[in-house]
Amino acid sequence: MSVAEHEPTTTAGAGTAARADTERRGFPTWARIAVLAGLATAFSIAYLTWGVTGNVAYVIERRSTVLFTMLIVAFAGAIATVLFHTVTDNRILTPSIMGMEALFVLVQTCMVFVFGLAGLSMLPPVAAFVLQAGLMVLFAMLLFKRLFTGGIGSLHLTLLVGIVFGILFTSLAQLMQRLLDPNEFTALQSRLFARLTRADPDLLPWVALLVVGIGVYVWRRHRLYDVVGLGRDTAVNLGVDHTRIAIRTLMIVAVLTAVSTALVGPMTFFGFMAATLAYQIAGRHEHHYVMPIAFLTGLCALVGGQFVLEHLLGHAGTLTVVIEFTGGALFLYFLLRKAAR
């Protein structure tokens, strides 16, 4: 077994300082996780049971499907963003920078452009999910394999190429959208906004198995990610094969992002919002704290927001639009704060 396969157990001085600071504040990290878990559980129960009348079994089944979808999306978006921040050593970037969400929009637009309105429903939900997620993962594999194994090995160049492809996909999609019939364009636009109620129930068990498998893999290597998060030079000096870990991590990020996007649609700033709030709540850098907090924060935002909009405000808005607006505002705040330093 190579050195890179071993999980380093060394903790950083920064982690020790953060731990001491947290203890001085008298509210340990595990207690914060417990509070978030309690909030997520309370929101989930309230969402499932609030105002249930009529055919109770049908209502609970429908709400359970939406809740299950939110669990998957919260985990995929939060964990993908935390890992992406770790491997890129930059907490301003989001996984959407790799162009996969732009590819999703391009695929949807091509279906309508070629087949008309029938293109939106010509494939069964399972086949459509496999096609869209498969194309996004294939694109990521080709991108990472070419740049990391072609003698270049530059993470920044990989991100730059991802940005260029994202702009290309967006430009092609916009060109075709301008040529669509107004009715086709309207129908297409409704598919390009993320909707938590869109997921097909038959897909959820299989997607959940995939996500749980990735979660177990990532959790068993959380100490390795702690070392990678110290920076490339430090990680290499500690015996970590940074290039190999970067490729594997980016592939995990690509799979999680593809699954979430193909399931409900693009959510550019949701993962960024969950991860950024998790860093502030945790006050520590260790991934076995940050990842659960990011997941629970994202879950509270989705379930709590859906409960308020659906049950208290009578479907007064779309949750994903609210989250994207909030996440985008948070992104601009941290971007401007970083530029001011």
Protein backbone atom coordinates (compact mmCIF):
# COMPACT_ATOMS: atom_id res chain seq x y z
CA MET A 1 0.00 0.00 0.00
CA SER A 2 1.38 3.40 -1.00
CA VAL A 3 1.90 6.28 1.36
CA ALA A 4 -1.06 8.09 -0.18
CA GLU A 5 -3.41 5.30 0.85
CA HIS A 6 -2.65 5.78 4.53
CA GLU A 7 -4.83 8.20 6.40
CA PRO A 8 -2.61 10.67 8.27
CA THR A 9 -3.51 11.10 11.90
CA THR A 10 -1.59 14.32 12.47
CA THR A 11 -3.69 17.31 13.51
CA ALA A 12 -2.71 20.84 12.59
CA GLY A 13 -1.81 23.58 15.00
CA ALA A 14 -4.64 25.63 13.58
CA GLY A 15 -7.06 22.88 14.56
CA THR A 16 -5.72 22.87 18.11
CA ALA A 17 -6.11 26.64 18.37
CA ALA A 18 -9.66 26.47 16.99
CA ARG A 19 -10.53 23.69 19.44
CA ALA A 20 -9.25 25.73 22.38
CA ASP A 21 -11.18 28.77 21.18
CA THR A 22 -14.36 26.71 20.89
CA GLU A 23 -13.93 25.28 24.36
CA ARG A 24 -13.43 28.74 25.80
CA ARG A 25 -16.75 29.80 24.37
CA GLY A 26 -18.37 27.01 26.37
CA PHE A 27 -20.44 25.46 23.56
CA PRO A 28 -18.66 22.37 22.19
CA THR A 29 -18.95 21.41 18.55
CA TRP A 30 -20.80 18.17 19.26
CA ALA A 31 -23.50 20.19 21.02
CA ARG A 32 -23.90 22.38 17.94
CA ILE A 33 -24.30 19.25 15.83
CA ALA A 34 -26.93 17.96 18.26
CA VAL A 35 -28.86 21.25 18.08
CA LEU A 36 -28.82 21.20 14.27
CA ALA A 37 -29.91 17.56 14.26
CA GLY A 38 -32.77 18.42 16.60
CA LEU A 39 -33.86 21.32 14.39
CA ALA A 40 -33.71 19.15 11.26
CA THR A 41 -35.78 16.44 12.98
CA ALA A 42 -38.36 18.97 14.23
CA PHE A 43 -38.68 20.56 10.78
CA SER A 44 -39.05 17.13 9.18
CA ILE A 45 -41.80 16.01 11.56
CA ALA A 46 -43.61 19.32 11.17
CA TYR A 47 -43.40 19.13 7.39
CA LEU A 48 -44.76 15.59 7.32
CA THR A 49 -47.62 16.07 9.78
CA TRP A 50 -48.74 19.71 9.60
CA GLY A 51 -52.36 20.09 8.54
CA VAL A 52 -52.78 16.51 7.30
CA THR A 53 -56.40 15.93 6.28
CA GLY A 54 -58.34 13.76 3.84
CA ASN A 55 -56.39 10.82 2.46
CA VAL A 56 -53.70 10.74 5.14
CA ALA A 57 -51.71 7.89 3.57
CA TYR A 58 -51.47 9.68 0.22
CA VAL A 59 -50.44 12.99 1.79
CA ILE A 60 -47.76 11.39 3.97
CA GLU A 61 -46.43 9.38 1.04
CA ARG A 62 -46.17 12.48 -1.16
CA ARG A 63 -44.50 14.53 1.55
CA SER A 64 -42.14 11.67 2.40
CA THR A 65 -40.97 11.60 -1.23
CA VAL A 66 -40.20 15.33 -1.12
CA LEU A 67 -38.48 14.97 2.28
CA PHE A 68 -36.37 12.07 0.99
CA THR A 69 -35.39 14.19 -2.01
CA MET A 70 -34.34 17.04 0.29
CA LEU A 71 -32.19 14.65 2.33
CA ILE A 72 -30.33 13.53 -0.79
CA VAL A 73 -29.93 17.04 -2.21
CA ALA A 74 -28.76 18.46 1.14
CA PHE A 75 -26.13 15.76 1.53
CA ALA A 76 -24.92 15.86 -2.07
CA GLY A 77 -24.75 19.66 -2.29
CA ALA A 78 -23.14 20.25 1.10
CA ILE A 79 -20.56 17.46 0.98
CA ALA A 80 -19.60 18.18 -2.64
CA THR A 81 -18.93 21.83 -1.82
CA VAL A 82 -16.93 21.10 1.34
CA LEU A 83 -14.72 18.62 -0.54
CA PHE A 84 -14.36 21.04 -3.45
CA HIS A 85 -13.22 23.78 -1.07
CA THR A 86 -10.76 21.37 0.52
CA VAL A 87 -9.08 20.22 -2.66
CA THR A 88 -8.98 23.67 -4.29
CA ASP A 89 -7.94 25.43 -1.04
CA ASN A 90 -10.45 28.17 -1.84
CA ARG A 91 -13.74 28.71 0.00
CA ILE A 92 -15.15 31.13 -2.57
CA LEU A 93 -15.45 28.63 -5.43
CA THR A 94 -18.43 26.33 -6.02
CA PRO A 95 -18.59 23.00 -7.90
CA SER A 96 -20.74 24.65 -10.58
CA ILE A 97 -17.57 26.32 -11.80
CA MET A 98 -16.69 23.05 -13.55
CA GLY A 99 -19.51 23.59 -16.05
CA MET A 100 -21.70 20.58 -15.23
CA GLU A 101 -24.81 22.62 -14.47
CA ALA A 102 -24.32 24.47 -17.77
CA LEU A 103 -24.12 21.06 -19.45
CA PHE A 104 -27.45 20.09 -17.84
CA VAL A 105 -29.06 23.23 -19.29
CA LEU A 106 -27.55 22.47 -22.69
CA VAL A 107 -28.88 18.89 -22.69
CA GLN A 108 -32.38 20.05 -21.77
CA THR A 109 -32.27 22.75 -24.45
CA CYS A 110 -31.06 20.30 -27.11
CA MET A 111 -33.92 17.93 -26.34
CA VAL A 112 -36.48 20.69 -26.91
CA PHE A 113 -34.64 22.16 -29.89
CA VAL A 114 -34.47 18.82 -31.72
CA PHE A 115 -37.71 17.14 -30.68
CA GLY A 116 -39.93 20.06 -29.65
CA LEU A 117 -42.16 19.89 -26.58
CA ALA A 118 -42.21 16.11 -26.87
CA GLY A 119 -38.49 16.14 -26.09
CA LEU A 120 -39.19 17.03 -22.46
CA SER A 121 -41.11 13.80 -21.89
CA MET A 122 -39.82 11.47 -24.60
CA LEU A 123 -37.57 9.62 -22.14
CA PRO A 124 -38.82 7.83 -18.99
CA PRO A 125 -37.69 9.56 -15.78
CA VAL A 126 -35.10 6.88 -15.00
CA ALA A 127 -33.60 7.01 -18.50
CA ALA A 128 -33.56 10.83 -18.46
CA PHE A 129 -31.81 10.83 -15.08
CA VAL A 130 -29.19 8.30 -16.20
CA LEU A 131 -28.56 10.22 -19.44
CA GLN A 132 -28.16 13.61 -17.79
CA ALA A 133 -26.09 12.41 -14.82
CA GLY A 134 -24.01 10.16 -17.07
CA LEU A 135 -23.15 12.98 -19.47
CA MET A 136 -22.11 15.27 -16.63
CA VAL A 137 -19.91 12.62 -15.00
CA LEU A 138 -18.40 11.65 -18.38
CA PHE A 139 -17.56 15.29 -19.07
CA ALA A 140 -15.84 15.56 -15.68
CA MET A 141 -13.91 12.32 -16.23
CA LEU A 142 -12.61 13.45 -19.62
CA LEU A 143 -11.67 16.85 -18.24
CA PHE A 144 -9.81 15.55 -15.18
CA LYS A 145 -8.16 12.64 -16.96
CA ARG A 146 -6.81 14.79 -19.78
CA LEU A 147 -5.46 17.56 -17.60
CA PHE A 148 -4.16 15.52 -14.67
CA THR A 149 -2.68 12.57 -16.55
CA GLY A 150 -1.56 14.40 -19.67
CA GLY A 151 1.61 15.75 -18.10
CA ILE A 152 -0.02 19.00 -16.94
CA GLY A 153 -1.34 18.18 -13.49
CA SER A 154 -2.59 21.68 -12.76
CA LEU A 155 -5.69 22.07 -10.64
CA HIS A 156 -6.03 25.74 -11.53
CA LEU A 157 -5.82 24.96 -15.25
CA THR A 158 -8.50 22.32 -14.77
CA LEU A 159 -10.81 24.85 -13.13
CA LEU A 160 -10.06 27.38 -15.86
CA VAL A 161 -10.92 24.89 -18.60
CA GLY A 162 -14.11 24.00 -16.70
CA ILE A 163 -15.08 27.68 -16.68
CA VAL A 164 -14.43 27.97 -20.42
CA PHE A 165 -16.54 24.90 -21.17
CA GLY A 166 -19.29 26.22 -18.90
CA ILE A 167 -19.35 29.48 -20.87
CA LEU A 168 -19.40 27.51 -24.12
CA PHE A 169 -22.30 25.32 -22.99
CA THR A 170 -24.23 28.36 -21.76
CA SER A 171 -23.67 30.22 -25.03
CA LEU A 172 -24.83 27.27 -27.13
CA ALA A 173 -27.91 26.80 -24.94
CA GLN A 174 -28.81 30.49 -25.19
CA LEU A 175 -28.40 30.44 -28.97
CA MET A 176 -30.80 27.52 -29.34
CA GLN A 177 -33.24 29.03 -26.84
CA ARG A 178 -33.48 32.18 -29.00
CA LEU A 179 -34.54 30.01 -31.92
CA LEU A 180 -37.29 28.19 -30.02
CA ASP A 181 -41.00 28.76 -30.35
CA PRO A 182 -42.32 30.88 -27.42
CA ASN A 183 -44.38 27.96 -26.11
CA GLU A 184 -41.37 25.66 -26.25
CA PHE A 185 -39.20 28.26 -24.55
CA THR A 186 -41.72 28.69 -21.73
CA ALA A 187 -41.95 24.94 -21.19
CA LEU A 188 -38.16 24.66 -21.22
CA GLN A 189 -37.70 27.46 -18.68
CA SER A 190 -39.91 25.63 -16.20
CA ARG A 191 -37.50 22.66 -16.39
CA LEU A 192 -34.38 24.75 -15.88
CA PHE A 193 -35.40 25.93 -12.40
CA ALA A 194 -34.68 23.49 -9.60
CA ARG A 195 -37.80 21.97 -8.02
CA LEU A 196 -37.70 19.67 -5.02
CA THR A 197 -41.02 18.10 -6.05
CA ARG A 198 -39.69 17.02 -9.44
CA ALA A 199 -37.84 13.85 -8.41
CA ASP A 200 -39.32 10.53 -9.48
CA PRO A 201 -40.00 8.25 -6.47
CA ASP A 202 -38.64 5.21 -8.34
CA LEU A 203 -35.24 6.89 -8.60
CA LEU A 204 -34.80 7.81 -4.98
CA PRO A 205 -33.79 4.40 -3.49
CA TRP A 206 -31.07 3.89 -6.11
CA VAL A 207 -29.78 7.43 -5.79
CA ALA A 208 -29.80 7.09 -2.00
CA LEU A 209 -27.67 3.93 -2.21
CA LEU A 210 -25.13 5.73 -4.39
CA VAL A 211 -25.01 8.75 -2.11
CA VAL A 212 -24.71 6.64 1.06
CA GLY A 213 -21.85 4.66 -0.51
CA ILE A 214 -20.01 7.87 -1.34
CA GLY A 215 -20.71 9.18 2.15
CA VAL A 216 -19.14 6.10 3.76
CA TYR A 217 -16.10 6.37 1.49
CA VAL A 218 -15.61 10.05 2.31
CA TRP A 219 -16.20 9.61 6.04
CA ARG A 220 -13.55 6.90 6.34
CA ARG A 221 -11.02 9.34 4.82
CA HIS A 222 -11.89 12.45 6.78
CA ARG A 223 -8.42 12.63 8.37
CA LEU A 224 -6.85 12.49 4.93
CA TYR A 225 -8.98 15.45 3.85
CA ASP A 226 -7.89 17.31 6.99
CA VAL A 227 -4.30 17.05 5.78
CA VAL A 228 -5.20 17.95 2.17
CA GLY A 229 -6.94 21.03 3.51
CA LEU A 230 -3.62 22.29 4.90
CA GLY A 231 -2.48 23.03 1.34
CA ARG A 232 -0.72 21.14 -1.42
CA ASP A 233 2.84 21.71 -0.24
CA THR A 234 2.12 20.75 3.36
CA ALA A 235 0.15 17.67 2.29
CA VAL A 236 2.95 16.49 0.01
CA ASN A 237 5.51 17.00 2.78
CA LEU A 238 3.33 14.83 5.03
CA GLY A 239 3.40 11.98 2.49
CA VAL A 240 0.09 12.51 0.68
CA ASP A 241 -0.11 11.99 -3.08
CA HIS A 242 -1.96 15.24 -3.64
CA THR A 243 -2.57 14.77 -7.37
CA ARG A 244 -4.18 11.35 -6.91
CA ILE A 245 -6.33 12.55 -4.02
CA ALA A 246 -7.34 15.64 -6.00
CA ILE A 247 -8.51 13.54 -8.95
CA ARG A 248 -10.50 11.16 -6.75
CA THR A 249 -12.04 14.00 -4.77
CA LEU A 250 -13.02 15.95 -7.87
CA MET A 251 -14.65 12.83 -9.29
CA ILE A 252 -16.65 12.42 -6.07
CA VAL A 253 -17.65 16.08 -6.31
CA ALA A 254 -18.64 15.55 -9.95
CA VAL A 255 -20.82 12.52 -9.13
CA LEU A 256 -22.58 14.25 -6.23
CA THR A 257 -23.17 17.42 -8.26
CA ALA A 258 -24.41 15.44 -11.26
CA VAL A 259 -26.80 13.38 -9.13
CA SER A 260 -28.25 16.44 -7.40
CA THR A 261 -28.60 18.43 -10.62
CA ALA A 262 -30.17 15.58 -12.60
CA LEU A 263 -32.57 14.87 -9.73
CA VAL A 264 -34.02 18.34 -9.07
CA GLY A 265 -32.23 20.79 -11.36
CA PRO A 266 -29.32 23.22 -10.94
CA MET A 267 -28.82 24.82 -7.52
CA THR A 268 -25.68 26.90 -7.93
CA PHE A 269 -25.35 28.52 -4.50
CA PHE A 270 -27.07 26.03 -2.20
CA GLY A 271 -23.92 24.02 -1.46
CA PHE A 272 -21.90 27.20 -1.01
CA MET A 273 -24.42 28.52 1.50
CA ALA A 274 -24.47 25.26 3.50
CA ALA A 275 -20.68 24.91 3.55
CA THR A 276 -19.99 28.56 4.39
CA LEU A 277 -22.45 28.56 7.28
CA ALA A 278 -20.95 25.27 8.48
CA TYR A 279 -17.48 26.83 8.71
CA GLN A 280 -18.89 29.64 10.83
CA ILE A 281 -20.91 27.31 13.08
CA ALA A 282 -18.17 24.70 13.56
CA GLY A 283 -15.32 27.12 14.25
CA ARG A 284 -12.97 24.23 13.41
CA HIS A 285 -11.40 22.80 10.29
CA GLU A 286 -11.76 19.04 10.93
CA HIS A 287 -13.96 17.38 8.34
CA HIS A 288 -15.67 15.04 10.81
CA TYR A 289 -17.20 18.20 12.28
CA VAL A 290 -17.59 20.36 9.19
CA MET A 291 -19.28 17.76 6.97
CA PRO A 292 -22.11 16.80 9.36
CA ILE A 293 -22.74 20.46 10.18
CA ALA A 294 -22.84 21.37 6.47
CA PHE A 295 -25.30 18.55 5.76
CA LEU A 296 -27.56 19.43 8.71
CA THR A 297 -27.42 23.15 7.89
CA GLY A 298 -28.45 22.46 4.30
CA LEU A 299 -31.19 20.10 5.47
CA CYS A 300 -32.59 22.67 7.90
CA ALA A 301 -32.60 25.28 5.13
CA LEU A 302 -34.44 22.98 2.71
CA VAL A 303 -36.95 21.36 5.06
CA GLY A 304 -37.55 24.48 7.15
CA GLY A 305 -37.90 26.67 4.08
CA GLN A 306 -40.23 24.22 2.36
CA PHE A 307 -42.35 23.97 5.51
CA VAL A 308 -42.72 27.75 5.77
CA LEU A 309 -43.46 28.31 2.08
CA GLU A 310 -45.80 25.34 1.65
CA HIS A 311 -47.67 25.18 4.96
CA LEU A 312 -47.50 28.68 6.43
CA LEU A 313 -47.42 30.89 3.32
CA GLY A 314 -49.57 28.74 1.05
CA HIS A 315 -47.00 28.13 -1.72
CA ALA A 316 -46.25 31.86 -1.91
CA GLY A 317 -42.95 31.22 -3.67
CA THR A 318 -40.41 28.65 -4.85
CA LEU A 319 -37.91 27.55 -2.22
CA THR A 320 -35.03 27.03 -4.63
CA VAL A 321 -35.34 30.62 -5.87
CA VAL A 322 -35.19 31.91 -2.27
CA ILE A 323 -32.17 29.72 -1.49
CA GLU A 324 -30.34 30.77 -4.66
CA PHE A 325 -30.96 34.43 -3.83
CA THR A 326 -29.76 33.97 -0.23
CA GLY A 327 -26.75 31.91 -1.29
CA GLY A 328 -25.85 34.41 -4.00
CA ALA A 329 -26.03 37.30 -1.51
CA LEU A 330 -23.85 35.34 0.92
CA PHE A 331 -21.37 34.62 -1.90
CA LEU A 332 -21.11 38.32 -2.78
CA TYR A 333 -20.68 39.25 0.90
CA PHE A 334 -17.73 36.90 1.43
CA LEU A 335 -16.24 37.78 -1.96
CA LEU A 336 -16.31 41.52 -1.17
CA ARG A 337 -15.04 40.93 2.37
CA LYS A 338 -12.13 38.92 1.05
CA ALA A 339 -11.33 41.57 -1.56
CA ALA A 340 -11.35 44.28 1.12
CA ARG A 341 -8.65 42.57 3.15
